Amino acid sequence: MRLDFYLSHVTELARKAAKIAAAKGRVTVNGDVVKKANYTVQESDQICLDSELLAWPSEGYYLLNKPAGYVCANQDPEHPIVLDLLPAHLGQQLNIVGRLDKDTTGLLLLTTDGQWLHRITSPRHVCDKRYRVHLAAPILDEAIQQLEKGVLLNGESQLTKPAKVERIASDAIYLTIQEGKYHQVKRMLAAVGNRVAELHRDQIGPLQLDEALAAGEYRALTSDEVAYF
């Protein structure tokens, strides 16, 4: 790992500031001053910034309440990205677990742990995802029955897996699915003759979105929550 990359991961220094800190002789590796930002460091190295010993990063697991208007990407030239909602030194490390559309809100997971991410997103692993869906028109009983049996999405050759549906109001439901196809919820409701007006994810597996967590806020997962997956 490059020295400047390491410094930007374990401190609040941005990558450019990390390079400057090294160039000024503020960084030591195993007691020796190292001024080259591209110097390769190992996990066995003792690295200090201003004589303070730094710790190697452990895996990070976070829950974010995604607001509308943000895209789930590492960079986007036109829209703000969800990683902008976290401190720069933290957001640079994290991978997004699955995706939510720009206008979809709610529970989003982020992690540095690739295997944990894979267990949640891989089709081989069953992981329920629940959405609160507000619709453009009242939903009919027949449409709910179709969703529960599986529907054929436009452009697909196989039915979706059976969904769980709970009516909240005449024009709102909780929809629980196990798949993660492109725009799946919107396409499922279109397949039964309706349209999604608002979409909010409030649960992944047994993990629910905190009611006290405002849109745009995040928190670290507990060890018990990490162990859910």
Protein backbone atom coordinates (compact mmCIF):
# COMPACT_ATOMS: atom_id res chain seq x y z
CA MET A 1 0.00 0.00 0.00
CA ARG A 2 1.30 3.47 -0.88
CA LEU A 3 2.19 5.67 2.09
CA ASP A 4 -0.09 8.54 1.03
CA PHE A 5 -2.98 6.10 0.48
CA TYR A 6 -2.47 4.65 3.96
CA LEU A 7 -2.33 8.09 5.58
CA SER A 8 -5.54 9.19 3.87
CA HIS A 9 -7.29 6.06 5.18
CA VAL A 10 -6.29 6.25 8.84
CA THR A 11 -6.23 10.03 9.38
CA GLU A 12 -8.37 12.96 8.34
CA LEU A 13 -5.77 14.03 5.78
CA ALA A 14 -6.84 14.09 2.16
CA ARG A 15 -4.54 12.37 -0.31
CA LYS A 16 -2.85 15.64 -1.35
CA ALA A 17 -2.38 16.72 2.27
CA ALA A 18 -0.89 13.31 3.07
CA LYS A 19 1.71 13.78 0.34
CA ILE A 20 2.60 17.21 1.70
CA ALA A 21 2.90 15.85 5.26
CA ALA A 22 5.33 13.18 4.07
CA ALA A 23 7.34 15.66 2.01
CA LYS A 24 7.74 17.87 5.10
CA GLY A 25 9.28 14.97 7.04
CA ARG A 26 6.34 14.53 9.41
CA VAL A 27 6.07 10.78 8.75
CA THR A 28 8.30 7.97 9.98
CA VAL A 29 8.20 4.29 9.06
CA ASN A 30 9.88 2.00 11.60
CA GLY A 31 11.68 5.02 13.03
CA ASP A 32 12.98 6.39 9.72
CA VAL A 33 11.68 9.56 8.11
CA VAL A 34 10.04 8.76 4.76
CA LYS A 35 9.30 11.67 2.45
CA LYS A 36 8.19 9.76 -0.66
CA ALA A 37 4.42 9.49 -0.94
CA ASN A 38 4.68 6.39 -3.13
CA TYR A 39 6.74 4.48 -0.57
CA THR A 40 5.24 1.02 -0.03
CA VAL A 41 4.23 0.23 3.54
CA GLN A 42 3.32 -3.16 5.02
CA GLU A 43 0.96 -4.10 7.84
CA SER A 44 3.98 -5.04 9.98
CA ASP A 45 5.37 -1.47 9.73
CA GLN A 46 5.11 1.04 12.56
CA ILE A 47 4.03 4.30 10.98
CA CYS A 48 3.96 7.61 12.86
CA LEU A 49 2.62 11.03 11.95
CA ASP A 50 4.09 13.85 14.05
CA SER A 51 5.52 11.15 16.37
CA GLU A 52 2.04 9.65 16.96
CA LEU A 53 1.77 5.94 16.17
CA LEU A 54 -0.99 5.21 13.67
CA ALA A 55 -3.10 2.05 13.65
CA TRP A 56 -3.76 -0.06 10.59
CA PRO A 57 -7.40 0.21 9.54
CA SER A 58 -9.83 -2.52 10.54
CA GLU A 59 -12.88 -3.40 8.46
CA GLY A 60 -15.64 -0.81 8.54
CA TYR A 61 -19.40 -1.40 8.41
CA TYR A 62 -21.86 1.50 8.19
CA LEU A 63 -25.57 2.15 7.77
CA LEU A 64 -26.66 5.30 5.93
CA ASN A 65 -30.13 6.79 5.63
CA LYS A 66 -29.92 7.79 1.97
CA PRO A 67 -31.75 10.97 0.99
CA ALA A 68 -33.24 11.58 -2.44
CA GLY A 69 -31.04 13.23 -5.04
CA TYR A 70 -27.88 11.24 -4.32
CA VAL A 71 -26.54 8.49 -6.57
CA CYS A 72 -24.91 5.25 -5.44
CA ALA A 73 -21.58 5.62 -7.22
CA ASN A 74 -17.97 6.43 -6.41
CA GLN A 75 -18.10 9.44 -8.70
CA ASP A 76 -20.63 11.19 -10.89
CA PRO A 77 -20.11 14.35 -12.96
CA GLU A 78 -23.72 15.52 -12.69
CA HIS A 79 -25.08 14.47 -9.29
CA PRO A 80 -23.91 14.32 -5.67
CA ILE A 81 -22.87 10.85 -4.53
CA VAL A 82 -23.75 9.09 -1.29
CA LEU A 83 -20.08 8.92 -0.27
CA ASP A 84 -20.13 12.73 -0.04
CA LEU A 85 -22.35 12.30 3.04
CA LEU A 86 -19.47 10.75 4.99
CA PRO A 87 -16.15 12.32 6.05
CA ALA A 88 -13.71 12.32 3.14
CA HIS A 89 -11.16 10.05 4.83
CA LEU A 90 -13.91 7.51 5.54
CA GLY A 91 -15.81 7.68 2.26
CA GLN A 92 -12.65 6.98 0.26
CA GLN A 93 -12.38 3.53 1.88
CA LEU A 94 -15.94 2.31 1.50
CA ASN A 95 -17.79 0.24 -1.05
CA ILE A 96 -21.54 0.55 -1.53
CA VAL A 97 -23.50 -2.62 -0.78
CA GLY A 98 -26.00 -2.77 -3.62
CA ARG A 99 -27.65 0.28 -5.13
CA LEU A 100 -30.61 2.58 -4.63
CA ASP A 101 -31.88 4.81 -7.44
CA LYS A 102 -31.23 8.55 -7.23
CA ASP A 103 -34.81 9.24 -6.14
CA THR A 104 -35.06 6.24 -3.78
CA THR A 105 -34.45 6.84 -0.08
CA GLY A 106 -33.64 4.73 2.95
CA LEU A 107 -31.34 2.04 4.21
CA LEU A 108 -27.97 1.76 2.46
CA LEU A 109 -25.00 -0.28 3.70
CA LEU A 110 -21.35 0.58 3.12
CA THR A 111 -18.28 -1.46 4.00
CA THR A 112 -14.60 -2.11 3.41
CA ASP A 113 -15.21 -5.88 3.70
CA GLY A 114 -15.59 -7.39 0.25
CA GLN A 115 -16.65 -10.84 1.47
CA TRP A 116 -19.37 -9.37 3.68
CA LEU A 117 -20.61 -7.28 0.76
CA HIS A 118 -20.73 -10.40 -1.43
CA ARG A 119 -22.80 -12.33 1.13
CA ILE A 120 -25.49 -9.65 0.97
CA THR A 121 -25.54 -8.99 -2.76
CA SER A 122 -24.78 -12.38 -4.33
CA PRO A 123 -27.80 -14.15 -5.87
CA ARG A 124 -26.55 -17.33 -4.18
CA HIS A 125 -27.40 -15.89 -0.77
CA VAL A 126 -31.02 -15.24 0.16
CA CYS A 127 -31.39 -11.76 1.62
CA ASP A 128 -34.78 -10.09 1.99
CA LYS A 129 -35.05 -6.37 1.20
CA ARG A 130 -38.18 -4.52 2.26
CA TYR A 131 -39.44 -1.35 0.59
CA ARG A 132 -42.20 1.06 1.49
CA VAL A 133 -43.86 1.82 -1.83
CA HIS A 134 -46.23 4.72 -2.44
CA LEU A 135 -48.14 4.28 -5.69
CA ALA A 136 -49.61 6.57 -8.30
CA ALA A 137 -52.96 4.73 -8.08
CA PRO A 138 -54.69 2.40 -5.61
CA ILE A 139 -53.40 -1.14 -5.85
CA LEU A 140 -55.87 -3.90 -6.62
CA ASP A 141 -56.05 -7.23 -4.81
CA GLU A 142 -55.36 -8.95 -8.11
CA ALA A 143 -52.14 -6.97 -8.53
CA ILE A 144 -50.99 -7.96 -5.03
CA GLN A 145 -51.65 -11.62 -5.84
CA GLN A 146 -49.59 -11.29 -9.02
CA LEU A 147 -46.65 -9.76 -7.13
CA GLU A 148 -46.81 -12.55 -4.57
CA LYS A 149 -46.65 -15.19 -7.31
CA GLY A 150 -44.00 -13.46 -9.42
CA VAL A 151 -44.34 -11.19 -12.43
CA LEU A 152 -42.62 -10.96 -15.80
CA LEU A 153 -40.57 -7.79 -16.08
CA ASN A 154 -40.21 -5.99 -19.37
CA GLY A 155 -37.18 -7.39 -21.17
CA GLU A 156 -36.92 -10.48 -18.94
CA SER A 157 -37.64 -14.12 -19.80
CA GLN A 158 -38.33 -15.44 -16.30
CA LEU A 159 -40.75 -14.42 -13.58
CA THR A 160 -39.47 -12.61 -10.53
CA LYS A 161 -39.27 -14.63 -7.34
CA PRO A 162 -42.44 -14.50 -5.24
CA ALA A 163 -42.62 -11.30 -3.21
CA LYS A 164 -44.17 -10.57 0.17
CA VAL A 165 -46.76 -7.79 0.07
CA GLU A 166 -48.40 -5.96 2.97
CA ARG A 167 -51.00 -3.30 2.23
CA ILE A 168 -50.43 -0.08 4.21
CA ALA A 169 -53.07 2.06 2.50
CA SER A 170 -55.09 1.93 -0.68
CA ASP A 171 -52.11 3.36 -2.57
CA ALA A 172 -49.19 2.11 -0.44
CA ILE A 173 -47.61 -1.26 0.33
CA TYR A 174 -44.61 -2.87 1.94
CA LEU A 175 -42.90 -4.99 -0.70
CA THR A 176 -40.24 -7.54 0.28
CA ILE A 177 -38.07 -9.05 -2.45
CA GLN A 178 -34.93 -11.20 -2.53
CA GLU A 179 -33.56 -10.19 -5.90
CA GLY A 180 -31.81 -7.01 -7.00
CA LYS A 181 -32.58 -6.52 -10.67
CA TYR A 182 -32.22 -3.12 -12.30
CA HIS A 183 -35.07 -0.84 -11.12
CA GLN A 184 -36.81 -4.00 -9.97
CA VAL A 185 -39.50 -2.56 -7.71
CA LYS A 186 -40.52 0.06 -10.25
CA ARG A 187 -40.62 -2.54 -13.01
CA MET A 188 -42.63 -4.96 -10.86
CA LEU A 189 -45.31 -2.37 -10.19
CA ALA A 190 -45.34 -1.37 -13.85
CA ALA A 191 -45.90 -5.05 -14.72
CA VAL A 192 -49.13 -5.02 -12.71
CA GLY A 193 -50.37 -1.76 -14.23
CA ASN A 194 -49.32 0.73 -11.58
CA ARG A 195 -46.48 3.22 -11.06
CA VAL A 196 -44.18 3.95 -8.13
CA ALA A 197 -44.54 7.51 -6.83
CA GLU A 198 -42.14 7.20 -3.86
CA LEU A 199 -39.80 4.40 -2.84
CA HIS A 200 -38.08 3.91 0.51
CA ARG A 201 -36.06 0.89 1.72
CA ASP A 202 -36.37 0.30 5.44
CA GLN A 203 -34.95 -3.21 5.98
CA ILE A 204 -32.27 -5.58 4.68
CA GLY A 205 -32.42 -9.06 6.20
CA PRO A 206 -33.11 -8.56 9.92
CA LEU A 207 -31.45 -5.11 9.92
CA GLN A 208 -33.92 -2.23 10.08
CA LEU A 209 -33.32 1.45 9.44
CA ASP A 210 -33.14 3.48 12.65
CA GLU A 211 -36.14 5.77 12.98
CA ALA A 212 -33.94 8.30 14.79
CA LEU A 213 -31.44 8.46 11.91
CA ALA A 214 -32.28 11.52 9.82
CA ALA A 215 -31.90 11.54 6.05
CA GLY A 216 -28.22 11.91 5.22
CA GLU A 217 -27.03 10.63 8.60
CA TYR A 218 -25.04 7.45 9.15
CA ARG A 219 -23.73 5.26 11.95
CA ALA A 220 -21.41 2.31 12.42
CA LEU A 221 -23.01 -1.12 12.70
CA THR A 222 -22.66 -3.04 15.93
CA SER A 223 -20.80 -6.37 15.94
CA ASP A 224 -24.13 -8.17 16.34
CA GLU A 225 -25.54 -6.37 13.29
CA VAL A 226 -22.46 -7.23 11.22
CA ALA A 227 -22.98 -10.88 12.20
CA TYR A 228 -26.49 -10.86 10.69
CA PHE A 229 -24.94 -11.47 7.27
